[in-house]
Every structure is written in structure tokens, then in C-alpha cells.
Amino acid sequence: MDPKHRDRIAFVRLCSGHFQRGAKLKHVASGSVLNVHNPVQFFAQDRDIAEDAFAGDILGIPNHGKLRIGDTLTQGEELHFTGIPHFAPELLQRVRATDPLRAKHLGRALEQIAEEGAARVFKPTIGSDWIVGVVGALQFEVLADRIRTEYQIPVIFEGANLYTARWLEMDDPKELDRFTVSNQGYLASDHTGVPVFLARNAWHLETTEKDFPAIRFKKTLEHS
């Protein structure tokens, strides 16, 4: 939100109850407790510390990667809302830093952008390049500009010769091991660690689905 300080804000809508500054909220996804000392509310270009808030209000909570889209915060209850679906991207490209020494910094920048939901980011099992997925070609230019201006990392996007991505889900974890043996070159993980299959073309996707009927190749992933 502030380029000078590189601060990151998670926006949270209050669904019920009365929030007061300093409240201890349970992060349902992890079971940990979050102390909210500096919640903020926004008014146009200004923001102020919020002393309290009520149902319907939107708060900004300083966040360093713990809060993700779809997470729930409560005062102790185990509440689970319907998740927010993430869709498989239409376009996939490789991204690399023009300065090889900035490769590790690029990885952190991409993970932060993925946490915002601005793009899908995949780390292949083999190789050091990252794969970025978007729904429109113009997004690659926007991302390149953001990474350059916000993180001081000039990058290049290149064709990846990939058709689509599918999140992998299975009942038996051993199925993933069997899948990896013959598809390691097309296996990746997203920024949350969920395994992903990167298909070369429609035939590659269809054939792989038939070869591994015990694995579900998901076009959407629900984050809740």
C-alpha cells in the first residue's frame, strides 16, 4: 500500500459482531491466535487506526503472508465459510530476472503477488524458472511493471509452450509418488504447496487423466 515501506494489508469484512482494537482472533485455517493491534480503515487516500468496527465494515490488517484469500477469523469459533474458487489460468509464461543474482528475490515477489490473487504462480519440480498464469495477455505487462517498480527486479516473460494447469487432488498420497515418476518434468506446486500438473496441450492433458484415474485434475481450487 505504501511503496516507501513495502507494507502489506489484508482486507477483512466483518460478517457479525463488534470488533475492538487489540482483539485476539482465531485464524481458523491454522488454529493460531492473531493479535490485531493496528487495524486500519480507509477513507479515499487516507487511512486511520480503527478503534472498533461493526458488521459490514471492512478492516485492513497488516499481513506478512499469514492471511490468505478465503481465510476466516473468529473470536474462537470453528466457522468455515464457502471457499473462494481460484480458476486455472488461460495463459502461461516463464518469468526470469534479468539479473541472475536477483532470482531468489524474484521468487519472494511472485509469492507475494500470488497471495494477493493477482496471478497464479507455479514452481516447477525441475528447473529454477517460475511459471506465471493469467487470464489475459496484458496482465504479463502489468506484472512486469509491478515487479520492476515495487521490488526493483527487472524481469522478462517468455513463452512456456504450455497449454494449461490443473491442481492435483487424490485420496491416497502414494498416487502422487506414482504420478511423479512419469511426469516429473510437468509437475509443479503453487504458492500454497498444492501440486499442479502443467500440460503441453489438450491431448497431453486428456491422456494423462486417463492414465491416472485415481487423481482428480481440478480446473478450479477452492480456498477456504
Protein backbone atom coordinates (compact mmCIF):
# COMPACT_ATOMS: atom_id res chain seq x y z
CA MET A 1 0.00 0.00 0.00
CA ASP A 2 2.93 2.33 0.70
CA PRO A 3 5.88 1.87 -1.72
CA LYS A 4 8.21 3.58 0.78
CA HIS A 5 7.57 1.00 3.47
CA ARG A 6 6.58 -2.13 1.47
CA ASP A 7 3.73 -2.74 3.92
CA ARG A 8 1.10 -5.33 3.07
CA ILE A 9 -2.54 -5.19 4.08
CA ALA A 10 -5.15 -7.96 4.19
CA PHE A 11 -8.72 -6.66 3.78
CA VAL A 12 -11.25 -8.33 6.08
CA ARG A 13 -15.02 -7.87 6.07
CA LEU A 14 -16.81 -8.18 9.40
CA CYS A 15 -19.74 -10.55 8.98
CA SER A 16 -21.10 -10.26 12.53
CA GLY A 17 -20.34 -8.94 15.97
CA HIS A 18 -18.40 -5.97 17.31
CA PHE A 19 -14.64 -5.71 16.75
CA GLN A 20 -12.44 -3.70 19.11
CA ARG A 21 -8.80 -2.81 18.61
CA GLY A 22 -6.48 -5.27 20.35
CA ALA A 23 -8.84 -8.19 19.92
CA LYS A 24 -7.38 -11.68 19.82
CA LEU A 25 -8.80 -13.52 16.81
CA LYS A 26 -8.50 -17.18 15.94
CA HIS A 27 -7.10 -17.89 12.49
CA VAL A 28 -9.28 -20.90 11.67
CA ALA A 29 -7.05 -22.25 8.89
CA SER A 30 -4.02 -22.66 11.17
CA GLY A 31 -5.65 -22.68 14.61
CA SER A 32 -3.30 -19.93 15.81
CA VAL A 33 -4.30 -16.70 17.55
CA LEU A 34 -3.79 -13.33 15.85
CA ASN A 35 -3.38 -10.20 17.98
CA VAL A 36 -4.84 -7.31 15.98
CA HIS A 37 -3.13 -4.23 17.43
CA ASN A 38 -3.12 -1.88 14.44
CA PRO A 39 -6.23 -2.42 12.29
CA VAL A 40 -6.85 0.35 9.79
CA GLN A 41 -9.84 1.78 7.97
CA PHE A 42 -9.58 3.59 4.66
CA PHE A 43 -11.22 6.81 3.57
CA ALA A 44 -10.29 7.66 -0.02
CA GLN A 45 -6.50 8.17 0.08
CA ASP A 46 -6.33 8.38 3.87
CA ARG A 47 -6.22 5.65 6.46
CA ASP A 48 -6.61 5.74 10.23
CA ILE A 49 -6.24 3.27 13.09
CA ALA A 50 -9.64 1.67 13.72
CA GLU A 51 -10.63 1.54 17.40
CA ASP A 52 -13.71 -0.53 16.66
CA ALA A 53 -15.85 -1.79 13.79
CA PHE A 54 -19.19 -3.47 13.24
CA ALA A 55 -20.76 -5.98 10.88
CA GLY A 56 -20.46 -4.78 7.29
CA ASP A 57 -17.29 -2.74 7.89
CA ILE A 58 -14.04 -3.57 6.12
CA LEU A 59 -10.79 -3.51 8.08
CA GLY A 60 -7.21 -3.58 6.89
CA ILE A 61 -4.95 -5.87 8.90
CA PRO A 62 -1.14 -5.66 8.45
CA ASN A 63 -0.14 -9.02 7.00
CA HIS A 64 3.12 -10.73 6.13
CA GLY A 65 1.82 -13.81 4.37
CA LYS A 66 -0.16 -15.44 7.18
CA LEU A 67 -3.58 -14.32 5.94
CA ARG A 68 -4.72 -15.61 2.56
CA ILE A 69 -7.77 -15.07 0.40
CA GLY A 70 -10.69 -17.03 1.82
CA ASP A 71 -9.36 -17.27 5.40
CA THR A 72 -11.71 -16.85 8.38
CA LEU A 73 -11.03 -15.01 11.65
CA THR A 74 -13.25 -15.60 14.69
CA GLN A 75 -13.31 -15.00 18.43
CA GLY A 76 -12.78 -18.71 19.00
CA GLU A 77 -15.50 -20.43 16.99
CA GLU A 78 -14.72 -23.00 14.31
CA LEU A 79 -16.51 -21.20 11.50
CA HIS A 80 -16.00 -22.25 7.88
CA PHE A 81 -17.38 -20.18 5.02
CA THR A 82 -17.79 -21.41 1.47
CA GLY A 83 -14.41 -21.03 -0.18
CA ILE A 84 -13.46 -18.62 -2.92
CA PRO A 85 -12.66 -20.51 -6.15
CA HIS A 86 -9.36 -19.99 -7.95
CA PHE A 87 -9.57 -20.75 -11.66
CA ALA A 88 -6.92 -22.37 -13.82
CA PRO A 89 -5.16 -19.65 -15.87
CA GLU A 90 -5.70 -19.33 -19.61
CA LEU A 91 -2.15 -18.19 -20.41
CA LEU A 92 1.15 -19.46 -19.00
CA GLN A 93 4.63 -17.96 -19.38
CA ARG A 94 8.03 -18.38 -17.76
CA VAL A 95 9.48 -15.42 -15.92
CA ARG A 96 13.09 -14.74 -15.05
CA ALA A 97 15.05 -11.84 -13.61
CA THR A 98 17.44 -10.10 -15.99
CA ASP A 99 19.98 -10.20 -13.14
CA PRO A 100 20.56 -13.86 -12.09
CA LEU A 101 21.60 -12.67 -8.62
CA ARG A 102 18.04 -11.44 -8.08
CA ALA A 103 16.42 -14.82 -8.76
CA LYS A 104 15.74 -15.56 -5.08
CA HIS A 105 14.21 -12.11 -4.58
CA LEU A 106 12.02 -12.71 -7.63
CA GLY A 107 10.63 -15.86 -6.03
CA ARG A 108 9.55 -13.95 -2.92
CA ALA A 109 7.98 -11.20 -5.03
CA LEU A 110 5.98 -13.72 -7.07
CA GLU A 111 4.72 -15.47 -3.93
CA GLN A 112 3.51 -12.16 -2.52
CA ILE A 113 1.72 -11.32 -5.77
CA ALA A 114 0.12 -14.78 -5.77
CA GLU A 115 -1.13 -14.20 -2.20
CA GLU A 116 -2.97 -11.12 -3.49
CA GLY A 117 -4.73 -13.23 -6.11
CA ALA A 118 -3.31 -11.08 -8.91
CA ALA A 119 -1.94 -14.13 -10.76
CA ARG A 120 -1.32 -17.84 -10.37
CA VAL A 121 2.31 -18.71 -9.69
CA PHE A 122 3.81 -22.20 -10.08
CA LYS A 123 7.28 -23.53 -9.16
CA PRO A 124 8.23 -26.50 -11.38
CA THR A 125 9.78 -29.53 -9.71
CA ILE A 126 12.64 -29.41 -12.21
CA GLY A 127 14.45 -26.19 -13.10
CA SER A 128 14.79 -22.80 -11.46
CA ASP A 129 12.29 -20.81 -13.56
CA TRP A 130 8.88 -19.80 -12.28
CA ILE A 131 5.67 -20.18 -14.30
CA VAL A 132 3.09 -17.41 -14.11
CA GLY A 133 -0.51 -17.93 -15.20
CA VAL A 134 -3.01 -15.18 -16.04
CA VAL A 135 -6.33 -14.81 -17.88
CA GLY A 136 -5.27 -12.00 -20.24
CA ALA A 137 -2.05 -11.23 -22.11
CA LEU A 138 -1.96 -7.61 -20.85
CA GLN A 139 -1.52 -8.90 -17.30
CA PHE A 140 2.03 -10.01 -18.12
CA GLU A 141 2.97 -6.41 -18.91
CA VAL A 142 1.28 -5.17 -15.74
CA LEU A 143 3.08 -7.78 -13.63
CA ALA A 144 6.46 -6.97 -15.21
CA ASP A 145 5.95 -3.29 -14.39
CA ARG A 146 4.86 -4.03 -10.82
CA ILE A 147 7.82 -6.31 -10.14
CA ARG A 148 10.21 -3.71 -11.57
CA THR A 149 8.77 -0.70 -9.70
CA GLU A 150 7.70 -2.33 -6.40
CA TYR A 151 10.50 -4.86 -5.97
CA GLN A 152 13.28 -3.30 -8.11
CA ILE A 153 13.63 -6.51 -10.14
CA PRO A 154 13.54 -6.13 -13.94
CA VAL A 155 12.11 -9.33 -15.43
CA ILE A 156 11.46 -10.97 -18.78
CA PHE A 157 8.39 -13.07 -19.59
CA GLU A 158 8.93 -15.83 -22.15
CA GLY A 159 6.74 -18.43 -23.84
CA ALA A 160 6.48 -21.68 -21.90
CA ASN A 161 4.85 -23.92 -24.55
CA LEU A 162 2.25 -24.96 -22.01
CA TYR A 163 -1.48 -25.40 -22.59
CA THR A 164 -2.96 -25.20 -19.11
CA ALA A 165 -2.52 -26.03 -15.42
CA ARG A 166 -4.54 -28.41 -13.26
CA TRP A 167 -4.41 -28.75 -9.49
CA LEU A 168 -3.97 -32.37 -8.40
CA GLU A 169 -6.10 -33.99 -5.72
CA MET A 170 -6.05 -37.62 -4.62
CA ASP A 171 -7.31 -39.76 -1.75
CA ASP A 172 -4.11 -41.81 -1.48
CA PRO A 173 -0.88 -39.76 -1.20
CA LYS A 174 1.02 -42.64 -2.81
CA GLU A 175 -0.74 -41.84 -6.08
CA LEU A 176 1.25 -38.60 -6.26
CA ASP A 177 4.50 -40.54 -5.94
CA ARG A 178 3.46 -42.80 -8.82
CA PHE A 179 2.44 -39.78 -10.86
CA THR A 180 5.76 -38.03 -10.20
CA VAL A 181 7.81 -40.92 -11.59
CA SER A 182 6.48 -40.47 -15.13
CA ASN A 183 5.52 -36.77 -15.08
CA GLN A 184 8.22 -35.04 -13.05
CA GLY A 185 9.01 -32.67 -15.91
CA TYR A 186 5.43 -31.37 -15.86
CA LEU A 187 4.87 -31.28 -12.13
CA ALA A 188 4.89 -28.05 -10.13
CA SER A 189 3.43 -26.59 -6.95
CA ASP A 190 1.53 -23.36 -6.39
CA HIS A 191 2.41 -20.80 -3.72
CA THR A 192 0.42 -22.76 -1.11
CA GLY A 193 2.23 -26.02 -1.85
CA VAL A 194 -0.61 -27.75 -3.73
CA PRO A 195 0.73 -30.00 -6.55
CA VAL A 196 -0.03 -28.85 -10.09
CA PHE A 197 0.15 -30.59 -13.47
CA LEU A 198 1.32 -28.41 -16.39
CA ALA A 199 0.00 -29.85 -19.65
CA ARG A 200 1.71 -29.27 -23.03
CA ASN A 201 -1.57 -29.45 -24.98
CA ALA A 202 -5.13 -30.77 -24.79
CA TRP A 203 -4.05 -34.27 -25.86
CA HIS A 204 -1.38 -34.39 -23.14
CA LEU A 205 -3.97 -33.43 -20.50
CA GLU A 206 -6.58 -35.93 -21.71
CA THR A 207 -4.09 -38.81 -21.97
CA THR A 208 -2.65 -38.14 -18.51
CA GLU A 209 -6.12 -38.02 -16.95
CA LYS A 210 -6.88 -41.45 -18.45
CA ASP A 211 -3.56 -42.89 -17.26
CA PHE A 212 -4.17 -41.76 -13.66
CA PRO A 213 -7.89 -42.25 -12.90
CA ALA A 214 -7.27 -42.13 -9.13
CA ILE A 215 -6.11 -38.50 -9.41
CA ARG A 216 -8.53 -35.61 -9.86
CA PHE A 217 -7.27 -32.91 -12.25
CA LYS A 218 -9.06 -29.82 -10.98
CA LYS A 219 -9.76 -26.76 -13.11
CA THR A 220 -10.78 -24.77 -10.01
CA LEU A 221 -9.38 -24.83 -6.50
CA GLU A 222 -11.46 -23.69 -3.57
CA HIS A 223 -9.57 -21.76 -0.90
CA SER A 224 -11.42 -21.66 2.39
